[in-house]
Amino acid sequence: MKYIYVTSGTEHYLRQILAENPTEQIMLLQNYSNVVLLHESAEPSVFKEENTFRMLQSKGKIKGFGFVTFEYVMVRDEEVPVFLELYHKMVKPLEETPGLQCFQLGESTKRSQFLILTFWDSEKYYQAFKTTPYHAKVIEMMESNNTQIGFSHIDTYHFPEFAHDAK
């Protein structure tokens, strides 16, 4: 089974982890205030502290550039089948969405949470997808569960865009 590991920290610290693990499939992602590492592996994480998700599905190919969304969806146990059905209804339209590179679904190993990762050629494609009824249903589920079981939220990142960003 493959896992998705996510960790955050200072950019300097995270770049040290990258340098120490050159053969691992680890991606550095950043936004204006945060930097994260995303590691996909069937092996245990190389991170000291991470959020761990079992990868339930992955479609497409990550190109190593563009815009990335992390949609953390808290789901009550009784709503897991409803969420998974909703997700599977969203798969076909998602596959046909212009500008989408890859999408993945992970399930937390520690809490009732799912992670929907989407990788886009640019932010404009994600903004267009946000207007679809499929995405609206996911947002509705996120909002309805926030006060009851935890905090659902969306984080957005991009791959380093310049040579000095990638070092």
Protein backbone atom coordinates (compact mmCIF):
# COMPACT_ATOMS: atom_id res chain seq x y z
CA MET A 1 0.00 0.00 0.00
CA LYS A 2 1.21 3.48 -0.83
CA TYR A 3 1.06 6.37 1.63
CA ILE A 4 1.01 10.14 1.37
CA TYR A 5 3.10 11.89 4.02
CA VAL A 6 2.87 15.64 4.61
CA THR A 7 5.12 17.69 6.87
CA SER A 8 5.77 21.36 7.34
CA GLY A 9 8.51 23.49 8.83
CA THR A 10 10.91 26.21 7.92
CA GLU A 11 12.06 26.22 4.34
CA HIS A 12 15.67 25.74 5.43
CA TYR A 13 14.81 22.65 7.49
CA LEU A 14 12.64 21.12 4.76
CA ARG A 15 15.37 21.64 2.16
CA GLN A 16 17.75 19.74 4.46
CA ILE A 17 15.31 16.80 4.43
CA LEU A 18 15.24 16.96 0.62
CA ALA A 19 19.04 17.00 0.44
CA GLU A 20 19.32 14.04 2.84
CA ASN A 21 16.85 11.93 0.80
CA PRO A 22 17.67 12.47 -2.88
CA THR A 23 16.25 9.13 -4.02
CA GLU A 24 12.86 9.58 -2.33
CA GLN A 25 9.80 10.89 -4.16
CA ILE A 26 9.49 14.11 -2.13
CA MET A 27 8.06 17.38 -3.43
CA LEU A 28 8.60 20.82 -1.95
CA LEU A 29 5.52 23.02 -2.20
CA GLN A 30 5.14 26.60 -1.06
CA ASN A 31 2.72 29.47 -0.75
CA TYR A 32 3.14 32.97 0.63
CA SER A 33 3.26 31.85 4.26
CA ASN A 34 4.03 28.10 4.39
CA VAL A 35 6.30 25.45 2.97
CA VAL A 36 5.44 21.74 3.02
CA LEU A 37 6.97 18.51 1.85
CA LEU A 38 4.80 15.89 0.20
CA HIS A 39 6.22 12.38 0.18
CA GLU A 40 4.60 9.40 -1.55
CA SER A 41 5.94 5.99 -0.62
CA ALA A 42 5.05 2.42 0.28
CA GLU A 43 7.84 2.61 2.86
CA PRO A 44 7.74 4.35 6.25
CA SER A 45 8.11 8.11 6.17
CA VAL A 46 11.52 9.75 6.25
CA PHE A 47 9.94 12.65 8.17
CA LYS A 48 10.25 12.92 11.96
CA GLU A 49 6.71 14.29 12.22
CA GLU A 50 4.06 13.99 9.55
CA ASN A 51 0.41 13.59 8.73
CA THR A 52 -0.06 10.17 7.17
CA PHE A 53 -2.73 9.23 4.65
CA ARG A 54 -3.35 5.85 3.00
CA MET A 55 -3.52 6.50 -0.73
CA LEU A 56 -6.91 5.26 -1.90
CA GLN A 57 -6.68 6.54 -5.47
CA SER A 58 -4.29 8.31 -7.78
CA LYS A 59 -4.99 9.29 -11.39
CA GLY A 60 -2.79 11.23 -13.74
CA LYS A 61 0.84 12.28 -13.64
CA ILE A 62 2.41 15.01 -11.53
CA LYS A 63 4.45 17.25 -13.84
CA GLY A 64 6.47 19.07 -11.16
CA PHE A 65 5.14 22.54 -11.89
CA GLY A 66 1.94 24.44 -11.33
CA PHE A 67 -0.66 24.81 -8.61
CA VAL A 68 -1.57 22.25 -5.93
CA THR A 69 -4.60 22.05 -3.64
CA PHE A 70 -4.88 20.12 -0.39
CA GLU A 71 -8.54 19.73 0.54
CA TYR A 72 -8.73 18.31 4.06
CA VAL A 73 -12.24 16.93 4.58
CA MET A 74 -13.35 15.90 8.07
CA VAL A 75 -16.04 13.22 7.86
CA ARG A 76 -18.06 11.58 10.63
CA ASP A 77 -17.80 7.78 10.57
CA GLU A 78 -21.39 7.36 9.40
CA GLU A 79 -20.75 9.78 6.52
CA VAL A 80 -17.71 7.99 5.09
CA PRO A 81 -19.79 6.01 2.55
CA VAL A 82 -21.60 9.22 1.53
CA PHE A 83 -18.31 11.06 1.07
CA LEU A 84 -16.74 8.21 -0.93
CA GLU A 85 -19.79 8.03 -3.20
CA LEU A 86 -19.62 11.79 -3.73
CA TYR A 87 -15.91 11.55 -4.51
CA HIS A 88 -16.44 8.74 -7.02
CA LYS A 89 -19.14 10.78 -8.78
CA MET A 90 -16.62 13.62 -9.04
CA VAL A 91 -13.87 11.43 -10.57
CA LYS A 92 -15.14 11.33 -14.16
CA PRO A 93 -15.74 15.10 -14.47
CA LEU A 94 -12.41 15.69 -12.71
CA GLU A 95 -10.58 13.47 -15.21
CA GLU A 96 -11.98 15.58 -18.04
CA THR A 97 -11.13 18.93 -16.45
CA PRO A 98 -8.74 21.06 -18.53
CA GLY A 99 -5.42 21.83 -16.87
CA LEU A 100 -5.62 18.99 -14.34
CA GLN A 101 -2.41 16.97 -14.08
CA CYS A 102 -3.21 14.51 -11.30
CA PHE A 103 -5.62 13.95 -8.44
CA GLN A 104 -5.28 11.75 -5.41
CA LEU A 105 -7.44 10.65 -2.50
CA GLY A 106 -5.92 9.80 0.85
CA GLU A 107 -7.50 8.66 4.12
CA SER A 108 -5.91 9.69 7.40
CA THR A 109 -4.45 6.91 9.51
CA LYS A 110 -5.18 8.85 12.71
CA ARG A 111 -8.56 10.61 12.40
CA SER A 112 -11.77 10.77 10.37
CA GLN A 113 -10.23 12.87 7.65
CA PHE A 114 -9.70 12.56 3.91
CA LEU A 115 -7.23 14.47 1.77
CA ILE A 116 -8.07 15.34 -1.83
CA LEU A 117 -4.90 16.45 -3.62
CA THR A 118 -5.19 18.07 -7.03
CA PHE A 119 -2.28 19.15 -9.21
CA TRP A 120 -3.03 21.80 -11.85
CA ASP A 121 -1.07 23.40 -14.69
CA SER A 122 -1.99 26.78 -13.15
CA GLU A 123 -4.34 28.31 -10.60
CA LYS A 124 -6.80 29.47 -13.26
CA TYR A 125 -7.80 25.86 -13.99
CA TYR A 126 -8.51 25.20 -10.31
CA GLN A 127 -10.55 28.41 -10.07
CA ALA A 128 -12.68 27.18 -13.00
CA PHE A 129 -13.17 23.77 -11.36
CA LYS A 130 -14.29 25.45 -8.11
CA THR A 131 -17.44 26.63 -9.93
CA THR A 132 -18.63 23.07 -10.67
CA PRO A 133 -21.48 21.43 -8.76
CA TYR A 134 -19.15 18.54 -7.82
CA HIS A 135 -16.77 20.83 -5.98
CA ALA A 136 -19.71 22.64 -4.37
CA LYS A 137 -20.90 19.34 -2.84
CA VAL A 138 -17.47 18.69 -1.33
CA ILE A 139 -17.41 22.21 0.12
CA GLU A 140 -20.92 21.71 1.51
CA MET A 141 -19.82 18.52 3.29
CA MET A 142 -16.70 20.26 4.61
CA GLU A 143 -18.77 23.14 6.01
CA SER A 144 -21.46 20.94 7.56
CA ASN A 145 -18.92 18.91 9.53
CA ASN A 146 -16.64 21.72 10.73
CA THR A 147 -18.35 22.40 14.04
CA GLN A 148 -19.01 18.76 14.87
CA ILE A 149 -15.80 16.79 14.38
CA GLY A 150 -12.96 19.08 13.49
CA PHE A 151 -11.84 21.62 10.98
CA SER A 152 -12.05 20.99 7.23
CA HIS A 153 -10.05 23.38 5.11
CA ILE A 154 -8.29 23.95 1.80
CA ASP A 155 -4.60 24.83 1.49
CA THR A 156 -3.09 25.89 -1.82
CA TYR A 157 0.55 25.73 -2.87
CA HIS A 158 2.73 25.92 -5.93
CA PHE A 159 5.95 24.27 -6.96
CA PRO A 160 9.00 26.54 -6.77
CA GLU A 161 8.92 28.61 -9.95
CA PHE A 162 12.44 29.94 -10.18
CA ALA A 163 15.83 28.27 -10.10
CA HIS A 164 16.71 29.94 -6.80
CA ASP A 165 13.40 28.70 -5.31
CA ALA A 166 14.24 25.09 -6.16
CA LYS A 167 17.65 25.07 -4.45
